[in-house]
Amino acid sequence: MERRSESEIIADILFEALEGLTKTKILHRANLNIKSFSRYFQILEDRGLIERLEDPANRHPKFKTTEKGRNLLQKLSEVKEVIKGRK
């Protein structure tokens, strides 16, 4: 199996967080180990690409891709299409 690039990992995390999920669900859906996930997730959160959504009814906050994150995800998708020759 081919390893994913950093941009692919970032895109996977941003995609999984589009609707707002807990960190655990994003981690599993993005198919990452905790060490890699934590490193990338912190970068995305620090740069305003993912935001924390507090839910008083649930002790586990959800995280959602921000508008800035959705813009980056779109650009990464376009780059991937160009590289793969789809555009």
PDB file of N, CA and C in Angstrom:
ATOM      1  N   MET A   1       0.840  -1.184   0.000  1.00  0.00           N
ATOM      2  CA  MET A   1       0.000   0.000   0.000  1.00  0.00           C
ATOM      3  C   MET A   1       0.886   1.248   0.000  1.00  0.00           C
ATOM      4  N   GLU A   2       0.557   2.188  -0.801  1.00  0.00           N
ATOM      5  CA  GLU A   2       1.321   3.424  -0.925  1.00  0.00           C
ATOM      6  C   GLU A   2       1.018   4.356   0.242  1.00  0.00           C
ATOM      7  N   ARG A   3       2.067   4.992   0.752  1.00  0.00           N
ATOM      8  CA  ARG A   3       1.889   5.941   1.852  1.00  0.00           C
ATOM      9  C   ARG A   3       1.240   7.220   1.344  1.00  0.00           C
ATOM     10  N   ARG A   4       0.439   7.833   2.189  1.00  0.00           N
ATOM     11  CA  ARG A   4      -0.204   9.097   1.834  1.00  0.00           C
ATOM     12  C   ARG A   4       0.752  10.259   2.044  1.00  0.00           C
ATOM     13  N   SER A   5       0.614  11.258   1.203  1.00  0.00           N
ATOM     14  CA  SER A   5       1.393  12.478   1.365  1.00  0.00           C
ATOM     15  C   SER A   5       0.785  13.317   2.488  1.00  0.00           C
ATOM     16  N   GLU A   6       1.532  14.336   2.923  1.00  0.00           N
ATOM     17  CA  GLU A   6       1.008  15.231   3.950  1.00  0.00           C
ATOM     18  C   GLU A   6      -0.278  15.903   3.490  1.00  0.00           C
ATOM     19  N   SER A   7      -0.311  16.333   2.227  1.00  0.00           N
ATOM     20  CA  SER A   7      -1.515  17.009   1.728  1.00  0.00           C
ATOM     21  C   SER A   7      -2.703  16.046   1.681  1.00  0.00           C
ATOM     22  N   GLU A   8      -2.462  14.780   1.399  1.00  0.00           N
ATOM     23  CA  GLU A   8      -3.556  13.802   1.395  1.00  0.00           C
ATOM     24  C   GLU A   8      -4.085  13.566   2.813  1.00  0.00           C
ATOM     25  N   ILE A   9      -3.184  13.508   3.782  1.00  0.00           N
ATOM     26  CA  ILE A   9      -3.601  13.319   5.172  1.00  0.00           C
ATOM     27  C   ILE A   9      -4.406  14.527   5.644  1.00  0.00           C
ATOM     28  N   ILE A  10      -3.927  15.717   5.334  1.00  0.00           N
ATOM     29  CA  ILE A  10      -4.645  16.938   5.706  1.00  0.00           C
ATOM     30  C   ILE A  10      -6.023  16.956   5.061  1.00  0.00           C
ATOM     31  N   ALA A  11      -6.091  16.616   3.787  1.00  0.00           N
ATOM     32  CA  ALA A  11      -7.379  16.580   3.085  1.00  0.00           C
ATOM     33  C   ALA A  11      -8.315  15.556   3.720  1.00  0.00           C
ATOM     34  N   ASP A  12      -7.797  14.415   4.103  1.00  0.00           N
ATOM     35  CA  ASP A  12      -8.627  13.382   4.737  1.00  0.00           C
ATOM     36  C   ASP A  12      -9.214  13.881   6.058  1.00  0.00           C
ATOM     37  N   ILE A  13      -8.399  14.526   6.875  1.00  0.00           N
ATOM     38  CA  ILE A  13      -8.887  15.049   8.154  1.00  0.00           C
ATOM     39  C   ILE A  13      -9.937  16.134   7.922  1.00  0.00           C
ATOM     40  N   LEU A  14      -9.645  17.077   7.025  1.00  0.00           N
ATOM     41  CA  LEU A  14     -10.603  18.155   6.740  1.00  0.00           C
ATOM     42  C   LEU A  14     -11.912  17.600   6.190  1.00  0.00           C
ATOM     43  N   PHE A  15     -11.827  16.606   5.326  1.00  0.00           N
ATOM     44  CA  PHE A  15     -13.034  16.007   4.743  1.00  0.00           C
ATOM     45  C   PHE A  15     -13.882  15.340   5.828  1.00  0.00           C
ATOM     46  N   GLU A  16     -13.247  14.575   6.690  1.00  0.00           N
ATOM     47  CA  GLU A  16     -13.999  13.858   7.722  1.00  0.00           C
ATOM     48  C   GLU A  16     -14.635  14.807   8.730  1.00  0.00           C
ATOM     49  N   ALA A  17     -14.062  15.991   8.909  1.00  0.00           N
ATOM     50  CA  ALA A  17     -14.582  16.949   9.875  1.00  0.00           C
ATOM     51  C   ALA A  17     -15.605  17.921   9.280  1.00  0.00           C
ATOM     52  N   LEU A  18     -15.986  17.733   8.030  1.00  0.00           N
ATOM     53  CA  LEU A  18     -16.904  18.678   7.376  1.00  0.00           C
ATOM     54  C   LEU A  18     -18.215  18.869   8.135  1.00  0.00           C
ATOM     55  N   GLU A  19     -18.774  17.805   8.667  1.00  0.00           N
ATOM     56  CA  GLU A  19     -20.076  17.893   9.330  1.00  0.00           C
ATOM     57  C   GLU A  19     -19.975  18.015  10.845  1.00  0.00           C
ATOM     58  N   GLY A  20     -18.763  17.946  11.376  1.00  0.00           N
ATOM     59  CA  GLY A  20     -18.580  18.063  12.819  1.00  0.00           C
ATOM     60  C   GLY A  20     -18.625  16.720  13.505  1.00  0.00           C
ATOM     61  N   LEU A  21     -17.474  16.242  13.956  1.00  0.00           N
ATOM     62  CA  LEU A  21     -17.358  14.951  14.630  1.00  0.00           C
ATOM     63  C   LEU A  21     -16.410  15.079  15.809  1.00  0.00           C
ATOM     64  N   THR A  22     -16.421  14.080  16.680  1.00  0.00           N
ATOM     65  CA  THR A  22     -15.444  14.040  17.761  1.00  0.00           C
ATOM     66  C   THR A  22     -14.074  13.709  17.175  1.00  0.00           C
ATOM     67  N   LYS A  23     -13.035  14.018  17.938  1.00  0.00           N
ATOM     68  CA  LYS A  23     -11.680  13.711  17.478  1.00  0.00           C
ATOM     69  C   LYS A  23     -11.519  12.223  17.187  1.00  0.00           C
ATOM     70  N   THR A  24     -12.083  11.386  18.045  1.00  0.00           N
ATOM     71  CA  THR A  24     -11.951   9.939  17.875  1.00  0.00           C
ATOM     72  C   THR A  24     -12.547   9.475  16.552  1.00  0.00           C
ATOM     73  N   LYS A  25     -13.725   9.991  16.221  1.00  0.00           N
ATOM     74  CA  LYS A  25     -14.350   9.592  14.960  1.00  0.00           C
ATOM     75  C   LYS A  25     -13.550  10.087  13.762  1.00  0.00           C
ATOM     76  N   ILE A  26     -13.045  11.304  13.841  1.00  0.00           N
ATOM     77  CA  ILE A  26     -12.234  11.831  12.740  1.00  0.00           C
ATOM     78  C   ILE A  26     -10.978  10.972  12.577  1.00  0.00           C
ATOM     79  N   LEU A  27     -10.316  10.657  13.691  1.00  0.00           N
ATOM     80  CA  LEU A  27      -9.108   9.836  13.677  1.00  0.00           C
ATOM     81  C   LEU A  27      -9.363   8.505  12.978  1.00  0.00           C
ATOM     82  N   HIS A  28     -10.428   7.821  13.360  1.00  0.00           N
ATOM     83  CA  HIS A  28     -10.729   6.511  12.775  1.00  0.00           C
ATOM     84  C   HIS A  28     -11.115   6.614  11.303  1.00  0.00           C
ATOM     85  N   ARG A  29     -11.943   7.582  10.973  1.00  0.00           N
ATOM     86  CA  ARG A  29     -12.377   7.724   9.581  1.00  0.00           C
ATOM     87  C   ARG A  29     -11.239   8.144   8.661  1.00  0.00           C
ATOM     88  N   ALA A  30     -10.287   8.911   9.203  1.00  0.00           N
ATOM     89  CA  ALA A  30      -9.129   9.332   8.404  1.00  0.00           C
ATOM     90  C   ALA A  30      -8.044   8.248   8.375  1.00  0.00           C
ATOM     91  N   ASN A  31      -8.258   7.184   9.141  1.00  0.00           N
ATOM     92  CA  ASN A  31      -7.356   6.028   9.159  1.00  0.00           C
ATOM     93  C   ASN A  31      -5.923   6.422   9.534  1.00  0.00           C
ATOM     94  N   LEU A  32      -5.798   7.056  10.697  1.00  0.00           N
ATOM     95  CA  LEU A  32      -4.493   7.502  11.186  1.00  0.00           C
ATOM     96  C   LEU A  32      -4.219   6.948  12.570  1.00  0.00           C
ATOM     97  N   ASN A  33      -2.940   6.828  12.903  1.00  0.00           N
ATOM     98  CA  ASN A  33      -2.600   6.474  14.281  1.00  0.00           C
ATOM     99  C   ASN A  33      -2.663   7.746  15.121  1.00  0.00           C
ATOM    100  N   ILE A  34      -2.708   7.584  16.419  1.00  0.00           N
ATOM    101  CA  ILE A  34      -2.915   8.723  17.318  1.00  0.00           C
ATOM    102  C   ILE A  34      -1.773   9.728  17.238  1.00  0.00           C
ATOM    103  N   LYS A  35      -0.549   9.263  17.089  1.00  0.00           N
ATOM    104  CA  LYS A  35       0.600  10.173  17.035  1.00  0.00           C
ATOM    105  C   LYS A  35       0.527  11.074  15.801  1.00  0.00           C
ATOM    106  N   SER A  36       0.312  10.482  14.638  1.00  0.00           N
ATOM    107  CA  SER A  36       0.218  11.276  13.404  1.00  0.00           C
ATOM    108  C   SER A  36      -0.995  12.193  13.442  1.00  0.00           C
ATOM    109  N   PHE A  37      -2.119  11.644  13.870  1.00  0.00           N
ATOM    110  CA  PHE A  37      -3.346  12.433  13.929  1.00  0.00           C
ATOM    111  C   PHE A  37      -3.171  13.662  14.821  1.00  0.00           C
ATOM    112  N   SER A  38      -2.611  13.460  16.006  1.00  0.00           N
ATOM    113  CA  SER A  38      -2.449  14.561  16.953  1.00  0.00           C
ATOM    114  C   SER A  38      -1.594  15.679  16.374  1.00  0.00           C
ATOM    115  N   ARG A  39      -0.531  15.303  15.690  1.00  0.00           N
ATOM    116  CA  ARG A  39       0.369  16.302  15.101  1.00  0.00           C
ATOM    117  C   ARG A  39      -0.351  17.116  14.032  1.00  0.00           C
ATOM    118  N   TYR A  40      -0.996  16.438  13.093  1.00  0.00           N
ATOM    119  CA  TYR A  40      -1.703  17.141  12.013  1.00  0.00           C
ATOM    120  C   TYR A  40      -2.894  17.926  12.537  1.00  0.00           C
ATOM    121  N   PHE A  41      -3.636  17.321  13.458  1.00  0.00           N
ATOM    122  CA  PHE A  41      -4.842  17.969  13.970  1.00  0.00           C
ATOM    123  C   PHE A  41      -4.501  19.281  14.665  1.00  0.00           C
ATOM    124  N   GLN A  42      -3.437  19.275  15.454  1.00  0.00           N
ATOM    125  CA  GLN A  42      -3.027  20.487  16.162  1.00  0.00           C
ATOM    126  C   GLN A  42      -2.654  21.593  15.176  1.00  0.00           C
ATOM    127  N   ILE A  43      -1.964  21.242  14.120  1.00  0.00           N
ATOM    128  CA  ILE A  43      -1.603  22.222  13.089  1.00  0.00           C
ATOM    129  C   ILE A  43      -2.862  22.809  12.456  1.00  0.00           C
ATOM    130  N   LEU A  44      -3.809  21.955  12.105  1.00  0.00           N
ATOM    131  CA  LEU A  44      -5.047  22.422  11.469  1.00  0.00           C
ATOM    132  C   LEU A  44      -5.848  23.317  12.407  1.00  0.00           C
ATOM    133  N   GLU A  45      -5.908  22.941  13.666  1.00  0.00           N
ATOM    134  CA  GLU A  45      -6.648  23.749  14.638  1.00  0.00           C
ATOM    135  C   GLU A  45      -5.940  25.100  14.871  1.00  0.00           C
ATOM    136  N   ASP A  46      -4.624  25.070  15.018  1.00  0.00           N
ATOM    137  CA  ASP A  46      -3.854  26.302  15.248  1.00  0.00           C
ATOM    138  C   ASP A  46      -3.983  27.290  14.085  1.00  0.00           C
ATOM    139  N   ARG A  47      -4.137  26.778  12.892  1.00  0.00           N
ATOM    140  CA  ARG A  47      -4.218  27.641  11.707  1.00  0.00           C
ATOM    141  C   ARG A  47      -5.658  28.019  11.333  1.00  0.00           C
ATOM    142  N   GLY A  48      -6.602  27.634  12.168  1.00  0.00           N
ATOM    143  CA  GLY A  48      -7.992  28.015  11.939  1.00  0.00           C
ATOM    144  C   GLY A  48      -8.682  27.243  10.830  1.00  0.00           C
ATOM    145  N   LEU A  49      -8.198  26.041  10.560  1.00  0.00           N
ATOM    146  CA  LEU A  49      -8.796  25.214   9.510  1.00  0.00           C
ATOM    147  C   LEU A  49      -9.842  24.259  10.080  1.00  0.00           C
ATOM    148  N   ILE A  50      -9.778  24.045  11.385  1.00  0.00           N
ATOM    149  CA  ILE A  50     -10.754  23.227  12.115  1.00  0.00           C
ATOM    150  C   ILE A  50     -11.117  23.996  13.379  1.00  0.00           C
ATOM    151  N   GLU A  51     -12.409  23.981  13.724  1.00  0.00           N
ATOM    152  CA  GLU A  51     -12.850  24.684  14.932  1.00  0.00           C
ATOM    153  C   GLU A  51     -13.517  23.716  15.894  1.00  0.00           C
ATOM    154  N   ARG A  52     -13.421  24.044  17.154  1.00  0.00           N
ATOM    155  CA  ARG A  52     -14.031  23.257  18.232  1.00  0.00           C
ATOM    156  C   ARG A  52     -15.465  23.725  18.430  1.00  0.00           C
ATOM    157  N   LEU A  53     -16.391  22.782  18.501  1.00  0.00           N
ATOM    158  CA  LEU A  53     -17.802  23.083  18.738  1.00  0.00           C
ATOM    159  C   LEU A  53     -18.188  22.515  20.098  1.00  0.00           C
ATOM    160  N   GLU A  54     -18.444  23.381  21.034  1.00  0.00           N
ATOM    161  CA  GLU A  54     -18.850  22.931  22.374  1.00  0.00           C
ATOM    162  C   GLU A  54     -20.313  22.509  22.341  1.00  0.00           C
ATOM    163  N   ASP A  55     -20.603  21.416  23.017  1.00  0.00           N
ATOM    164  CA  ASP A  55     -21.969  20.910  23.112  1.00  0.00           C
ATOM    165  C   ASP A  55     -22.238  20.601  24.581  1.00  0.00           C
ATOM    166  N   PRO A  56     -23.031  21.452  25.248  1.00  0.00           N
ATOM    167  CA  PRO A  56     -23.299  21.235  26.677  1.00  0.00           C
ATOM    168  C   PRO A  56     -23.943  19.883  26.974  1.00  0.00           C
ATOM    169  N   ALA A  57     -24.612  19.308  26.011  1.00  0.00           N
ATOM    170  CA  ALA A  57     -25.276  18.021  26.217  1.00  0.00           C
ATOM    171  C   ALA A  57     -24.303  16.843  26.079  1.00  0.00           C
ATOM    172  N   ASN A  58     -23.102  17.110  25.607  1.00  0.00           N
ATOM    173  CA  ASN A  58     -22.131  16.043  25.387  1.00  0.00           C
ATOM    174  C   ASN A  58     -20.779  16.498  25.917  1.00  0.00           C
ATOM    175  N   ARG A  59     -20.138  15.667  26.719  1.00  0.00           N
ATOM    176  CA  ARG A  59     -18.848  16.079  27.292  1.00  0.00           C
ATOM    177  C   ARG A  59     -17.712  16.013  26.285  1.00  0.00           C
ATOM    178  N   HIS A  60     -17.949  15.376  25.147  1.00  0.00           N
ATOM    179  CA  HIS A  60     -16.929  15.285  24.104  1.00  0.00           C
ATOM    180  C   HIS A  60     -17.230  16.324  23.026  1.00  0.00           C
ATOM    181  N   PRO A  61     -16.373  17.343  22.905  1.00  0.00           N
ATOM    182  CA  PRO A  61     -16.639  18.364  21.886  1.00  0.00           C
ATOM    183  C   PRO A  61     -16.491  17.798  20.482  1.00  0.00           C
ATOM    184  N   LYS A  62     -17.174  18.426  19.572  1.00  0.00           N
ATOM    185  CA  LYS A  62     -17.034  18.065  18.163  1.00  0.00           C
ATOM    186  C   LYS A  62     -16.131  19.099  17.501  1.00  0.00           C
ATOM    187  N   PHE A  63     -15.553  18.699  16.400  1.00  0.00           N
ATOM    188  CA  PHE A  63     -14.678  19.571  15.638  1.00  0.00           C
ATOM    189  C   PHE A  63     -15.161  19.599  14.207  1.00  0.00           C
ATOM    190  N   LYS A  64     -15.138  20.790  13.627  1.00  0.00           N
ATOM    191  CA  LYS A  64     -15.692  20.975  12.288  1.00  0.00           C
ATOM    192  C   LYS A  64     -14.727  21.780  11.429  1.00  0.00           C
ATOM    193  N   THR A  65     -14.664  21.435  10.170  1.00  0.00           N
ATOM    194  CA  THR A  65     -13.850  22.168   9.208  1.00  0.00           C
ATOM    195  C   THR A  65     -14.432  23.564   9.038  1.00  0.00           C
ATOM    196  N   THR A  66     -13.586  24.580   9.129  1.00  0.00           N
ATOM    197  CA  THR A  66     -14.017  25.972   8.983  1.00  0.00           C
ATOM    198  C   THR A  66     -14.121  26.331   7.496  1.00  0.00           C
ATOM    199  N   GLU A  67     -14.600  27.532   7.235  1.00  0.00           N
ATOM    200  CA  GLU A  67     -14.663  28.022   5.849  1.00  0.00           C
ATOM    201  C   GLU A  67     -13.261  28.027   5.235  1.00  0.00           C
ATOM    202  N   LYS A  68     -12.301  28.489   5.999  1.00  0.00           N
ATOM    203  CA  LYS A  68     -10.902  28.496   5.540  1.00  0.00           C
ATOM    204  C   LYS A  68     -10.446  27.062   5.226  1.00  0.00           C
ATOM    205  N   GLY A  69     -10.823  26.122   6.068  1.00  0.00           N
ATOM    206  CA  GLY A  69     -10.486  24.713   5.844  1.00  0.00           C
ATOM    207  C   GLY A  69     -11.169  24.144   4.620  1.00  0.00           C
ATOM    208  N   ARG A  70     -12.434  24.525   4.405  1.00  0.00           N
ATOM    209  CA  ARG A  70     -13.153  24.056   3.210  1.00  0.00           C
ATOM    210  C   ARG A  70     -12.511  24.611   1.938  1.00  0.00           C
ATOM    211  N   ASN A  71     -12.038  25.851   2.002  1.00  0.00           N
ATOM    212  CA  ASN A  71     -11.346  26.435   0.843  1.00  0.00           C
ATOM    213  C   ASN A  71     -10.061  25.671   0.541  1.00  0.00           C
ATOM    214  N   LEU A  72      -9.308  25.337   1.591  1.00  0.00           N
ATOM    215  CA  LEU A  72      -8.086  24.567   1.391  1.00  0.00           C
ATOM    216  C   LEU A  72      -8.410  23.183   0.844  1.00  0.00           C
ATOM    217  N   LEU A  73      -9.433  22.543   1.371  1.00  0.00           N
ATOM    218  CA  LEU A  73      -9.836  21.222   0.902  1.00  0.00           C
ATOM    219  C   LEU A  73     -10.189  21.262  -0.583  1.00  0.00           C
ATOM    220  N   GLN A  74     -10.889  22.295  -1.022  1.00  0.00           N
ATOM    221  CA  GLN A  74     -11.231  22.448  -2.434  1.00  0.00           C
ATOM    222  C   GLN A  74      -9.974  22.589  -3.288  1.00  0.00           C
ATOM    223  N   LYS A  75      -9.041  23.397  -2.826  1.00  0.00           N
ATOM    224  CA  LYS A  75      -7.785  23.587  -3.575  1.00  0.00           C
ATOM    225  C   LYS A  75      -6.988  22.292  -3.653  1.00  0.00           C
ATOM    226  N   LEU A  76      -6.918  21.565  -2.559  1.00  0.00           N
ATOM    227  CA  LEU A  76      -6.206  20.288  -2.562  1.00  0.00           C
ATOM    228  C   LEU A  76      -6.857  19.300  -3.521  1.00  0.00           C
ATOM    229  N   SER A  77      -8.176  19.321  -3.586  1.00  0.00           N
ATOM    230  CA  SER A  77      -8.909  18.452  -4.509  1.00  0.00           C
ATOM    231  C   SER A  77      -8.599  18.813  -5.961  1.00  0.00           C
ATOM    232  N   GLU A  78      -8.546  20.108  -6.240  1.00  0.00           N
ATOM    233  CA  GLU A  78      -8.230  20.560  -7.595  1.00  0.00           C
ATOM    234  C   GLU A  78      -6.810  20.163  -7.999  1.00  0.00           C
ATOM    235  N   VAL A  79      -5.873  20.300  -7.084  1.00  0.00           N
ATOM    236  CA  VAL A  79      -4.486  19.900  -7.366  1.00  0.00           C
ATOM    237  C   VAL A  79      -4.425  18.405  -7.659  1.00  0.00           C
ATOM    238  N   LYS A  80      -5.120  17.618  -6.860  1.00  0.00           N
ATOM    239  CA  LYS A  80      -5.133  16.166  -7.043  1.00  0.00           C
ATOM    240  C   LYS A  80      -5.694  15.802  -8.422  1.00  0.00           C
ATOM    241  N   GLU A  81      -6.754  16.482  -8.835  1.00  0.00           N
ATOM    242  CA  GLU A  81      -7.344  16.223 -10.147  1.00  0.00           C
ATOM    243  C   GLU A  81      -6.370  16.556 -11.272  1.00  0.00           C
ATOM    244  N   VAL A  82      -5.657  17.663 -11.150  1.00  0.00           N
ATOM    245  CA  VAL A  82      -4.684  18.060 -12.174  1.00  0.00           C
ATOM    246  C   VAL A  82      -3.561  17.038 -12.244  1.00  0.00           C
ATOM    247  N   ILE A  83      -3.050  16.633 -11.106  1.00  0.00           N
ATOM    248  CA  ILE A  83      -1.948  15.668 -11.073  1.00  0.00           C
ATOM    249  C   ILE A  83      -2.361  14.332 -11.659  1.00  0.00           C
ATOM    250  N   LYS A  84      -3.571  13.929 -11.381  1.00  0.00           N
ATOM    251  CA  LYS A  84      -4.052  12.642 -11.897  1.00  0.00           C
ATOM    252  C   LYS A  84      -4.560  12.733 -13.329  1.00  0.00           C
ATOM    253  N   GLY A  85      -4.528  13.946 -13.908  1.00  0.00           N
ATOM    254  CA  GLY A  85      -4.903  14.111 -15.312  1.00  0.00           C
ATOM    255  C   GLY A  85      -6.390  14.162 -15.573  1.00  0.00           C
ATOM    256  N   ARG A  86      -7.165  14.521 -14.575  1.00  0.00           N
ATOM    257  CA  ARG A  86      -8.621  14.572 -14.752  1.00  0.00           C
ATOM    258  C   ARG A  86      -9.101  15.917 -15.246  1.00  0.00           C
ATOM    259  N   LYS A  87      -8.249  16.920 -15.206  1.00  0.00           N
ATOM    260  CA  LYS A  87      -8.670  18.254 -15.618  1.00  0.00           C
ATOM    261  C   LYS A  87      -7.920  18.710 -16.820  1.00  0.00           C
TER     262      LYS A  87
END
